[in-house]
Amino acid sequence: MYTLEIAGIAIATTDADEAEAREIFESEDFLDDIRGFTSAGSPVWDGVSAFVIRQATEDEVEAFSEIDDIEDEIDGEEGDEFDGEGANIMFLVDIDQFADEEE
C-alpha cells in the first residue's frame, strides 16, 4: 500500500502496488481532482507544492483495512478490496466536497 503526502500531510492511500500508485497519484485526472478539493476550507493541493508517494504506515494500512471491513459489513461480503476491481483509494483527510454529497 502507498500513500500520497503533500507538504508533510498524508492525503490519500491506495492498495495498489508502487507502480500503479504512482500512475494513479501522478495522473492528470487525479491531480486535477485534488487541485479542486478542499479540506476544512483549505485547498488539498495548490498545484505547485511537491508531493511524495511513499509506503503506507502501519496506521494508514490499519485505517484502510477498517474501512474495507465496514464496506464488507454493508455489502454482506468478505473480501480484501473495497469493490473487487482495480486499486482503491481512501482519503486520509476530510474532503469538503464529499461531505456536501452526503447532505
PDB file of N, CA and C in Angstrom:
ATOM      1  N   MET A   1       0.847  -1.174   0.000  1.00  0.00           N
ATOM      2  CA  MET A   1       0.000   0.000   0.000  1.00  0.00           C
ATOM      3  C   MET A   1       0.891   1.235   0.000  1.00  0.00           C
ATOM      4  N   TYR A   2       0.394   2.275  -0.657  1.00  0.00           N
ATOM      5  CA  TYR A   2       1.169   3.505  -0.810  1.00  0.00           C
ATOM      6  C   TYR A   2       0.309   4.716  -0.479  1.00  0.00           C
ATOM      7  N   THR A   3       0.981   5.756  -0.007  1.00  0.00           N
ATOM      8  CA  THR A   3       0.313   6.973   0.448  1.00  0.00           C
ATOM      9  C   THR A   3       0.857   8.177  -0.294  1.00  0.00           C
ATOM     10  N   LEU A   4      -0.049   9.088  -0.631  1.00  0.00           N
ATOM     11  CA  LEU A   4       0.309  10.376  -1.213  1.00  0.00           C
ATOM     12  C   LEU A   4       0.396  11.375  -0.069  1.00  0.00           C
ATOM     13  N   GLU A   5       1.536  12.047   0.028  1.00  0.00           N
ATOM     14  CA  GLU A   5       1.777  13.040   1.074  1.00  0.00           C
ATOM     15  C   GLU A   5       2.091  14.368   0.412  1.00  0.00           C
ATOM     16  N   ILE A   6       1.412  15.420   0.861  1.00  0.00           N
ATOM     17  CA  ILE A   6       1.652  16.768   0.346  1.00  0.00           C
ATOM     18  C   ILE A   6       1.985  17.670   1.524  1.00  0.00           C
ATOM     19  N   ALA A   7       3.110  18.354   1.434  1.00  0.00           N
ATOM     20  CA  ALA A   7       3.568  19.264   2.491  1.00  0.00           C
ATOM     21  C   ALA A   7       3.556  18.584   3.863  1.00  0.00           C
ATOM     22  N   GLY A   8       3.981  17.312   3.877  1.00  0.00           N
ATOM     23  CA  GLY A   8       4.088  16.585   5.137  1.00  0.00           C
ATOM     24  C   GLY A   8       2.773  16.029   5.661  1.00  0.00           C
ATOM     25  N   ILE A   9       1.683  16.188   4.913  1.00  0.00           N
ATOM     26  CA  ILE A   9       0.371  15.702   5.343  1.00  0.00           C
ATOM     27  C   ILE A   9      -0.036  14.524   4.467  1.00  0.00           C
ATOM     28  N   ALA A  10      -0.365  13.407   5.094  1.00  0.00           N
ATOM     29  CA  ALA A  10      -0.840  12.242   4.365  1.00  0.00           C
ATOM     30  C   ALA A  10      -2.240  12.552   3.840  1.00  0.00           C
ATOM     31  N   ILE A  11      -2.408  12.517   2.528  1.00  0.00           N
ATOM     32  CA  ILE A  11      -3.655  12.912   1.881  1.00  0.00           C
ATOM     33  C   ILE A  11      -4.516  11.711   1.509  1.00  0.00           C
ATOM     34  N   ALA A  12      -3.913  10.703   0.884  1.00  0.00           N
ATOM     35  CA  ALA A  12      -4.667   9.542   0.418  1.00  0.00           C
ATOM     36  C   ALA A  12      -3.774   8.322   0.408  1.00  0.00           C
ATOM     37  N   THR A  13      -4.396   7.162   0.532  1.00  0.00           N
ATOM     38  CA  THR A  13      -3.654   5.912   0.447  1.00  0.00           C
ATOM     39  C   THR A  13      -4.372   4.983  -0.529  1.00  0.00           C
ATOM     40  N   THR A  14      -3.612   4.090  -1.127  1.00  0.00           N
ATOM     41  CA  THR A  14      -4.168   3.140  -2.081  1.00  0.00           C
ATOM     42  C   THR A  14      -3.609   1.756  -1.819  1.00  0.00           C
ATOM     43  N   ASP A  15      -4.403   0.758  -2.191  1.00  0.00           N
ATOM     44  CA  ASP A  15      -3.949  -0.621  -2.044  1.00  0.00           C
ATOM     45  C   ASP A  15      -3.184  -1.103  -3.277  1.00  0.00           C
ATOM     46  N   ALA A  16      -2.851  -0.182  -4.162  1.00  0.00           N
ATOM     47  CA  ALA A  16      -2.098  -0.505  -5.374  1.00  0.00           C
ATOM     48  C   ALA A  16      -0.635  -0.799  -5.043  1.00  0.00           C
ATOM     49  N   ASP A  17       0.038  -1.477  -5.977  1.00  0.00           N
ATOM     50  CA  ASP A  17       1.479  -1.636  -5.822  1.00  0.00           C
ATOM     51  C   ASP A  17       2.137  -0.295  -6.171  1.00  0.00           C
ATOM     52  N   GLU A  18       3.441  -0.204  -5.999  1.00  0.00           N
ATOM     53  CA  GLU A  18       4.115   1.085  -6.162  1.00  0.00           C
ATOM     54  C   GLU A  18       3.930   1.680  -7.552  1.00  0.00           C
ATOM     55  N   ALA A  19       4.111   0.888  -8.582  1.00  0.00           N
ATOM     56  CA  ALA A  19       3.990   1.408  -9.951  1.00  0.00           C
ATOM     57  C   ALA A  19       2.582   1.929 -10.222  1.00  0.00           C
ATOM     58  N   GLU A  20       1.578   1.177  -9.817  1.00  0.00           N
ATOM     59  CA  GLU A  20       0.198   1.605 -10.044  1.00  0.00           C
ATOM     60  C   GLU A  20      -0.150   2.820  -9.183  1.00  0.00           C
ATOM     61  N   ALA A  21       0.362   2.859  -7.940  1.00  0.00           N
ATOM     62  CA  ALA A  21       0.121   4.016  -7.074  1.00  0.00           C
ATOM     63  C   ALA A  21       0.687   5.282  -7.707  1.00  0.00           C
ATOM     64  N   ARG A  22       1.885   5.195  -8.250  1.00  0.00           N
ATOM     65  CA  ARG A  22       2.480   6.346  -8.931  1.00  0.00           C
ATOM     66  C   ARG A  22       1.641   6.750 -10.136  1.00  0.00           C
ATOM     67  N   GLU A  23       1.195   5.753 -10.893  1.00  0.00           N
ATOM     68  CA  GLU A  23       0.371   6.036 -12.064  1.00  0.00           C
ATOM     69  C   GLU A  23      -0.922   6.753 -11.654  1.00  0.00           C
ATOM     70  N   ILE A  24      -1.543   6.299 -10.576  1.00  0.00           N
ATOM     71  CA  ILE A  24      -2.789   6.911 -10.094  1.00  0.00           C
ATOM     72  C   ILE A  24      -2.529   8.320  -9.580  1.00  0.00           C
ATOM     73  N   PHE A  25      -1.620   8.432  -8.608  1.00  0.00           N
ATOM     74  CA  PHE A  25      -1.407   9.710  -7.929  1.00  0.00           C
ATOM     75  C   PHE A  25      -0.762  10.770  -8.824  1.00  0.00           C
ATOM     76  N   GLU A  26      -0.049  10.359  -9.865  1.00  0.00           N
ATOM     77  CA  GLU A  26       0.584  11.321 -10.764  1.00  0.00           C
ATOM     78  C   GLU A  26      -0.244  11.585 -12.019  1.00  0.00           C
ATOM     79  N   SER A  27      -1.402  10.935 -12.133  1.00  0.00           N
ATOM     80  CA  SER A  27      -2.235  11.121 -13.327  1.00  0.00           C
ATOM     81  C   SER A  27      -2.859  12.519 -13.341  1.00  0.00           C
ATOM     82  N   GLU A  28      -3.018  13.060 -14.535  1.00  0.00           N
ATOM     83  CA  GLU A  28      -3.616  14.388 -14.679  1.00  0.00           C
ATOM     84  C   GLU A  28      -5.021  14.436 -14.091  1.00  0.00           C
ATOM     85  N   ASP A  29      -5.797  13.360 -14.272  1.00  0.00           N
ATOM     86  CA  ASP A  29      -7.162  13.331 -13.735  1.00  0.00           C
ATOM     87  C   ASP A  29      -7.160  13.454 -12.215  1.00  0.00           C
ATOM     88  N   PHE A  30      -6.307  12.658 -11.551  1.00  0.00           N
ATOM     89  CA  PHE A  30      -6.252  12.701 -10.088  1.00  0.00           C
ATOM     90  C   PHE A  30      -5.751  14.063  -9.621  1.00  0.00           C
ATOM     91  N   LEU A  31      -4.705  14.568 -10.266  1.00  0.00           N
ATOM     92  CA  LEU A  31      -4.153  15.873  -9.876  1.00  0.00           C
ATOM     93  C   LEU A  31      -5.168  16.988 -10.092  1.00  0.00           C
ATOM     94  N   ASP A  32      -5.930  16.925 -11.172  1.00  0.00           N
ATOM     95  CA  ASP A  32      -6.990  17.915 -11.398  1.00  0.00           C
ATOM     96  C   ASP A  32      -8.041  17.843 -10.299  1.00  0.00           C
ATOM     97  N   ASP A  33      -8.397  16.609  -9.905  1.00  0.00           N
ATOM     98  CA  ASP A  33      -9.387  16.441  -8.836  1.00  0.00           C
ATOM     99  C   ASP A  33      -8.898  17.060  -7.535  1.00  0.00           C
ATOM    100  N   ILE A  34      -7.694  16.681  -7.093  1.00  0.00           N
ATOM    101  CA  ILE A  34      -7.252  17.182  -5.785  1.00  0.00           C
ATOM    102  C   ILE A  34      -6.935  18.670  -5.818  1.00  0.00           C
ATOM    103  N   ARG A  35      -6.629  19.193  -6.983  1.00  0.00           N
ATOM    104  CA  ARG A  35      -6.413  20.633  -7.115  1.00  0.00           C
ATOM    105  C   ARG A  35      -7.704  21.383  -6.775  1.00  0.00           C
ATOM    106  N   GLY A  36      -8.849  20.771  -7.066  1.00  0.00           N
ATOM    107  CA  GLY A  36     -10.140  21.401  -6.791  1.00  0.00           C
ATOM    108  C   GLY A  36     -10.736  21.058  -5.438  1.00  0.00           C
ATOM    109  N   PHE A  37     -10.161  20.079  -4.744  1.00  0.00           N
ATOM    110  CA  PHE A  37     -10.687  19.670  -3.442  1.00  0.00           C
ATOM    111  C   PHE A  37     -10.211  20.606  -2.335  1.00  0.00           C
ATOM    112  N   THR A  38     -11.063  20.738  -1.317  1.00  0.00           N
ATOM    113  CA  THR A  38     -10.678  21.452  -0.100  1.00  0.00           C
ATOM    114  C   THR A  38     -10.920  20.542   1.097  1.00  0.00           C
ATOM    115  N   SER A  39     -10.188  20.820   2.161  1.00  0.00           N
ATOM    116  CA  SER A  39     -10.356  20.124   3.427  1.00  0.00           C
ATOM    117  C   SER A  39     -10.380  21.191   4.511  1.00  0.00           C
ATOM    118  N   ALA A  40     -11.467  21.248   5.247  1.00  0.00           N
ATOM    119  CA  ALA A  40     -11.668  22.298   6.256  1.00  0.00           C
ATOM    120  C   ALA A  40     -11.489  23.683   5.628  1.00  0.00           C
ATOM    121  N   GLY A  41     -11.933  23.807   4.379  1.00  0.00           N
ATOM    122  CA  GLY A  41     -11.902  25.088   3.687  1.00  0.00           C
ATOM    123  C   GLY A  41     -10.587  25.447   3.019  1.00  0.00           C
ATOM    124  N   SER A  42      -9.551  24.656   3.235  1.00  0.00           N
ATOM    125  CA  SER A  42      -8.244  24.926   2.633  1.00  0.00           C
ATOM    126  C   SER A  42      -8.012  23.975   1.470  1.00  0.00           C
ATOM    127  N   PRO A  43      -7.313  24.459   0.421  1.00  0.00           N
ATOM    128  CA  PRO A  43      -7.037  23.567  -0.716  1.00  0.00           C
ATOM    129  C   PRO A  43      -6.218  22.346  -0.279  1.00  0.00           C
ATOM    130  N   VAL A  44      -6.555  21.190  -0.828  1.00  0.00           N
ATOM    131  CA  VAL A  44      -5.790  19.975  -0.544  1.00  0.00           C
ATOM    132  C   VAL A  44      -4.422  20.078  -1.205  1.00  0.00           C
ATOM    133  N   TRP A  45      -4.398  20.611  -2.417  1.00  0.00           N
ATOM    134  CA  TRP A  45      -3.140  20.809  -3.139  1.00  0.00           C
ATOM    135  C   TRP A  45      -3.245  22.103  -3.921  1.00  0.00           C
ATOM    136  N   ASP A  46      -2.207  22.912  -3.861  1.00  0.00           N
ATOM    137  CA  ASP A  46      -2.217  24.202  -4.545  1.00  0.00           C
ATOM    138  C   ASP A  46      -1.752  24.120  -5.996  1.00  0.00           C
ATOM    139  N   GLY A  47      -1.414  22.942  -6.440  1.00  0.00           N
ATOM    140  CA  GLY A  47      -0.975  22.759  -7.817  1.00  0.00           C
ATOM    141  C   GLY A  47       0.513  22.927  -8.025  1.00  0.00           C
ATOM    142  N   VAL A  48       1.226  23.379  -7.003  1.00  0.00           N
ATOM    143  CA  VAL A  48       2.667  23.569  -7.141  1.00  0.00           C
ATOM    144  C   VAL A  48       3.487  22.892  -6.046  1.00  0.00           C
ATOM    145  N   SER A  49       2.910  22.688  -4.887  1.00  0.00           N
ATOM    146  CA  SER A  49       3.656  22.063  -3.798  1.00  0.00           C
ATOM    147  C   SER A  49       4.075  20.662  -4.195  1.00  0.00           C
ATOM    148  N   ALA A  50       5.288  20.315  -3.819  1.00  0.00           N
ATOM    149  CA  ALA A  50       5.803  18.978  -4.115  1.00  0.00           C
ATOM    150  C   ALA A  50       5.019  17.939  -3.320  1.00  0.00           C
ATOM    151  N   PHE A  51       4.900  16.761  -3.896  1.00  0.00           N
ATOM    152  CA  PHE A  51       4.260  15.675  -3.174  1.00  0.00           C
ATOM    153  C   PHE A  51       5.150  14.452  -3.216  1.00  0.00           C
ATOM    154  N   VAL A  52       4.923  13.572  -2.251  1.00  0.00           N
ATOM    155  CA  VAL A  52       5.716  12.363  -2.105  1.00  0.00           C
ATOM    156  C   VAL A  52       4.764  11.171  -2.151  1.00  0.00           C
ATOM    157  N   ILE A  53       5.165  10.138  -2.838  1.00  0.00           N
ATOM    158  CA  ILE A  53       4.435   8.876  -2.818  1.00  0.00           C
ATOM    159  C   ILE A  53       5.336   7.900  -2.071  1.00  0.00           C
ATOM    160  N   ARG A  54       4.844   7.410  -0.951  1.00  0.00           N
ATOM    161  CA  ARG A  54       5.663   6.570  -0.071  1.00  0.00           C
ATOM    162  C   ARG A  54       4.864   5.365   0.389  1.00  0.00           C
ATOM    163  N   GLN A  55       5.558   4.397   0.963  1.00  0.00           N
ATOM    164  CA  GLN A  55       4.862   3.251   1.536  1.00  0.00           C
ATOM    165  C   GLN A  55       3.960   3.738   2.656  1.00  0.00           C
ATOM    166  N   ALA A  56       2.783   3.143   2.741  1.00  0.00           N
ATOM    167  CA  ALA A  56       1.843   3.492   3.801  1.00  0.00           C
ATOM    168  C   ALA A  56       2.386   3.028   5.150  1.00  0.00           C
ATOM    169  N   THR A  57       2.093   3.817   6.175  1.00  0.00           N
ATOM    170  CA  THR A  57       2.478   3.432   7.532  1.00  0.00           C
ATOM    171  C   THR A  57       1.525   2.350   8.034  1.00  0.00           C
ATOM    172  N   GLU A  58       1.884   1.732   9.146  1.00  0.00           N
ATOM    173  CA  GLU A  58       1.006   0.720   9.749  1.00  0.00           C
ATOM    174  C   GLU A  58      -0.356   1.323  10.088  1.00  0.00           C
ATOM    175  N   ASP A  59      -0.382   2.551  10.607  1.00  0.00           N
ATOM    176  CA  ASP A  59      -1.652   3.204  10.959  1.00  0.00           C
ATOM    177  C   ASP A  59      -2.515   3.436   9.720  1.00  0.00           C
ATOM    178  N   GLU A  60      -1.893   3.822   8.609  1.00  0.00           N
ATOM    179  CA  GLU A  60      -2.640   4.051   7.370  1.00  0.00           C
ATOM    180  C   GLU A  60      -3.195   2.746   6.814  1.00  0.00           C
ATOM    181  N   VAL A  61      -2.406   1.682   6.890  1.00  0.00           N
ATOM    182  CA  VAL A  61      -2.864   0.371   6.438  1.00  0.00           C
ATOM    183  C   VAL A  61      -4.032  -0.088   7.312  1.00  0.00           C
ATOM    184  N   GLU A  62      -3.918   0.129   8.609  1.00  0.00           N
ATOM    185  CA  GLU A  62      -4.982  -0.272   9.529  1.00  0.00           C
ATOM    186  C   GLU A  62      -6.268   0.512   9.255  1.00  0.00           C
ATOM    187  N   ALA A  63      -6.157   1.820   9.025  1.00  0.00           N
ATOM    188  CA  ALA A  63      -7.342   2.638   8.718  1.00  0.00           C
ATOM    189  C   ALA A  63      -7.997   2.151   7.434  1.00  0.00           C
ATOM    190  N   PHE A  64      -7.197   1.833   6.436  1.00  0.00           N
ATOM    191  CA  PHE A  64      -7.706   1.321   5.169  1.00  0.00           C
ATOM    192  C   PHE A  64      -8.449   0.005   5.399  1.00  0.00           C
ATOM    193  N   SER A  65      -7.868  -0.872   6.199  1.00  0.00           N
ATOM    194  CA  SER A  65      -8.482  -2.175   6.485  1.00  0.00           C
ATOM    195  C   SER A  65      -9.794  -2.016   7.239  1.00  0.00           C
ATOM    196  N   GLU A  66      -9.857  -1.051   8.154  1.00  0.00           N
ATOM    197  CA  GLU A  66     -11.091  -0.810   8.899  1.00  0.00           C
ATOM    198  C   GLU A  66     -12.216  -0.378   7.967  1.00  0.00           C
ATOM    199  N   ILE A  67     -11.912   0.487   7.009  1.00  0.00           N
ATOM    200  CA  ILE A  67     -12.919   0.918   6.039  1.00  0.00           C
ATOM    201  C   ILE A  67     -13.348  -0.267   5.183  1.00  0.00           C
ATOM    202  N   ASP A  68     -12.396  -1.098   4.786  1.00  0.00           N
ATOM    203  CA  ASP A  68     -12.710  -2.286   3.998  1.00  0.00           C
ATOM    204  C   ASP A  68     -13.652  -3.204   4.775  1.00  0.00           C
ATOM    205  N   ASP A  69     -13.391  -3.369   6.096  1.00  0.00           N
ATOM    206  CA  ASP A  69     -14.249  -4.211   6.931  1.00  0.00           C
ATOM    207  C   ASP A  69     -15.666  -3.639   7.022  1.00  0.00           C
ATOM    208  N   ILE A  70     -15.780  -2.323   7.125  1.00  0.00           N
ATOM    209  CA  ILE A  70     -17.092  -1.674   7.179  1.00  0.00           C
ATOM    210  C   ILE A  70     -17.830  -1.897   5.860  1.00  0.00           C
ATOM    211  N   GLU A  71     -17.115  -1.735   4.738  1.00  0.00           N
ATOM    212  CA  GLU A  71     -17.716  -1.988   3.421  1.00  0.00           C
ATOM    213  C   GLU A  71     -18.221  -3.422   3.331  1.00  0.00           C
ATOM    214  N   ASP A  72     -17.445  -4.382   3.861  1.00  0.00           N
ATOM    215  CA  ASP A  72     -17.855  -5.784   3.836  1.00  0.00           C
ATOM    216  C   ASP A  72     -19.144  -5.989   4.627  1.00  0.00           C
ATOM    217  N   GLU A  73     -19.243  -5.338   5.799  1.00  0.00           N
ATOM    218  CA  GLU A  73     -20.445  -5.458   6.622  1.00  0.00           C
ATOM    219  C   GLU A  73     -21.656  -4.896   5.888  1.00  0.00           C
ATOM    220  N   ILE A  74     -21.489  -3.768   5.227  1.00  0.00           N
ATOM    221  CA  ILE A  74     -22.587  -3.142   4.496  1.00  0.00           C
ATOM    222  C   ILE A  74     -23.018  -4.024   3.328  1.00  0.00           C
ATOM    223  N   ASP A  75     -22.036  -4.557   2.612  1.00  0.00           N
ATOM    224  CA  ASP A  75     -22.324  -5.372   1.437  1.00  0.00           C
ATOM    225  C   ASP A  75     -22.685  -6.817   1.785  1.00  0.00           C
ATOM    226  N   GLY A  76     -22.412  -7.213   3.033  1.00  0.00           N
ATOM    227  CA  GLY A  76     -22.663  -8.592   3.421  1.00  0.00           C
ATOM    228  C   GLY A  76     -21.678  -9.560   2.806  1.00  0.00           C
ATOM    229  N   GLU A  77     -20.504  -9.057   2.461  1.00  0.00           N
ATOM    230  CA  GLU A  77     -19.483  -9.887   1.829  1.00  0.00           C
ATOM    231  C   GLU A  77     -18.182  -9.761   2.596  1.00  0.00           C
ATOM    232  N   GLU A  78     -17.310 -10.710   2.351  1.00  0.00           N
ATOM    233  CA  GLU A  78     -15.958 -10.611   2.866  1.00  0.00           C
ATOM    234  C   GLU A  78     -15.020 -10.538   1.694  1.00  0.00           C
ATOM    235  N   GLY A  79     -13.971  -9.740   1.822  1.00  0.00           N
ATOM    236  CA  GLY A  79     -13.008  -9.629   0.736  1.00  0.00           C
ATOM    237  C   GLY A  79     -11.840  -8.790   1.148  1.00  0.00           C
ATOM    238  N   ASP A  80     -10.904  -8.667   0.229  1.00  0.00           N
ATOM    239  CA  ASP A  80      -9.703  -7.903   0.525  1.00  0.00           C
ATOM    240  C   ASP A  80      -9.720  -6.525  -0.096  1.00  0.00           C
ATOM    241  N   GLU A  81     -10.759  -6.198  -0.846  1.00  0.00           N
ATOM    242  CA  GLU A  81     -10.791  -4.915  -1.529  1.00  0.00           C
ATOM    243  C   GLU A  81     -12.165  -4.295  -1.394  1.00  0.00           C
ATOM    244  N   PHE A  82     -12.222  -2.970  -1.527  1.00  0.00           N
ATOM    245  CA  PHE A  82     -13.485  -2.256  -1.435  1.00  0.00           C
ATOM    246  C   PHE A  82     -14.471  -2.757  -2.480  1.00  0.00           C
ATOM    247  N   ASP A  83     -14.078  -2.769  -3.740  1.00  0.00           N
ATOM    248  CA  ASP A  83     -15.028  -3.117  -4.790  1.00  0.00           C
ATOM    249  C   ASP A  83     -14.601  -4.322  -5.619  1.00  0.00           C
ATOM    250  N   GLY A  84     -13.448  -4.880  -5.309  1.00  0.00           N
ATOM    251  CA  GLY A  84     -13.007  -6.070  -6.013  1.00  0.00           C
ATOM    252  C   GLY A  84     -12.420  -5.815  -7.387  1.00  0.00           C
ATOM    253  N   GLU A  85     -12.435  -4.590  -7.860  1.00  0.00           N
ATOM    254  CA  GLU A  85     -11.913  -4.287  -9.194  1.00  0.00           C
ATOM    255  C   GLU A  85     -10.882  -3.173  -9.111  1.00  0.00           C
ATOM    256  N   GLY A  86      -9.667  -3.465  -9.519  1.00  0.00           N
ATOM    257  CA  GLY A  86      -8.632  -2.440  -9.566  1.00  0.00           C
ATOM    258  C   GLY A  86      -8.232  -1.938  -8.194  1.00  0.00           C
ATOM    259  N   ALA A  87      -7.427  -0.895  -8.209  1.00  0.00           N
ATOM    260  CA  ALA A  87      -6.937  -0.300  -6.967  1.00  0.00           C
ATOM    261  C   ALA A  87      -8.008   0.584  -6.344  1.00  0.00           C
ATOM    262  N   ASN A  88      -7.987   0.656  -5.032  1.00  0.00           N
ATOM    263  CA  ASN A  88      -8.904   1.507  -4.288  1.00  0.00           C
ATOM    264  C   ASN A  88      -8.113   2.631  -3.640  1.00  0.00           C
ATOM    265  N   ILE A  89      -8.752   3.779  -3.490  1.00  0.00           N
ATOM    266  CA  ILE A  89      -8.127   4.946  -2.886  1.00  0.00           C
ATOM    267  C   ILE A  89      -8.971   5.375  -1.698  1.00  0.00           C
ATOM    268  N   MET A  90      -8.323   5.679  -0.592  1.00  0.00           N
ATOM    269  CA  MET A  90      -9.000   6.206   0.579  1.00  0.00           C
ATOM    270  C   MET A  90      -8.335   7.521   0.961  1.00  0.00           C
ATOM    271  N   PHE A  91      -9.130   8.579   1.055  1.00  0.00           N
ATOM    272  CA  PHE A  91      -8.584   9.847   1.507  1.00  0.00           C
ATOM    273  C   PHE A  91      -8.395   9.803   3.009  1.00  0.00           C
ATOM    274  N   LEU A  92      -7.280  10.343   3.464  1.00  0.00           N
ATOM    275  CA  LEU A  92      -6.935  10.359   4.882  1.00  0.00           C
ATOM    276  C   LEU A  92      -7.285  11.691   5.530  1.00  0.00           C
ATOM    277  N   VAL A  93      -7.706  12.642   4.720  1.00  0.00           N
ATOM    278  CA  VAL A  93      -8.187  13.926   5.220  1.00  0.00           C
ATOM    279  C   VAL A  93      -9.652  14.038   4.819  1.00  0.00           C
ATOM    280  N   ASP A  94     -10.423  14.803   5.583  1.00  0.00           N
ATOM    281  CA  ASP A  94     -11.819  15.025   5.232  1.00  0.00           C
ATOM    282  C   ASP A  94     -11.871  15.944   4.015  1.00  0.00           C
ATOM    283  N   ILE A  95     -12.564  15.502   2.985  1.00  0.00           N
ATOM    284  CA  ILE A  95     -12.708  16.289   1.767  1.00  0.00           C
ATOM    285  C   ILE A  95     -14.073  16.967   1.804  1.00  0.00           C
ATOM    286  N   ASP A  96     -14.071  18.303   1.783  1.00  0.00           N
ATOM    287  CA  ASP A  96     -15.305  19.066   1.907  1.00  0.00           C
ATOM    288  C   ASP A  96     -16.340  18.670   0.857  1.00  0.00           C
ATOM    289  N   GLN A  97     -15.913  18.455  -0.364  1.00  0.00           N
ATOM    290  CA  GLN A  97     -16.834  18.148  -1.451  1.00  0.00           C
ATOM    291  C   GLN A  97     -17.563  16.825  -1.190  1.00  0.00           C
ATOM    292  N   PHE A  98     -16.916  15.858  -0.550  1.00  0.00           N
ATOM    293  CA  PHE A  98     -17.564  14.586  -0.260  1.00  0.00           C
ATOM    294  C   PHE A  98     -18.623  14.778   0.821  1.00  0.00           C
ATOM    295  N   ALA A  99     -18.364  15.653   1.782  1.00  0.00           N
ATOM    296  CA  ALA A  99     -19.335  15.938   2.828  1.00  0.00           C
ATOM    297  C   ALA A  99     -20.576  16.585   2.216  1.00  0.00           C
ATOM    298  N   ASP A 100     -20.384  17.456   1.221  1.00  0.00           N
ATOM    299  CA  ASP A 100     -21.514  18.109   0.541  1.00  0.00           C
ATOM    300  C   ASP A 100     -22.397  17.084  -0.153  1.00  0.00           C
ATOM    301  N   GLU A 101     -21.811  16.021  -0.702  1.00  0.00           N
ATOM    302  CA  GLU A 101     -22.568  14.991  -1.407  1.00  0.00           C
ATOM    303  C   GLU A 101     -23.434  14.174  -0.462  1.00  0.00           C
ATOM    304  N   GLU A 102     -23.000  14.058   0.811  1.00  0.00           N
ATOM    305  CA  GLU A 102     -23.729  13.258   1.796  1.00  0.00           C
ATOM    306  C   GLU A 102     -24.953  13.975   2.334  1.00  0.00           C
ATOM    307  N   GLU A 103     -24.989  15.271   2.213  1.00  0.00           N
ATOM    308  CA  GLU A 103     -26.096  16.055   2.779  1.00  0.00           C
ATOM    309  C   GLU A 103     -27.328  15.979   1.944  1.00  0.00           C
TER     310      GLU A 103
END
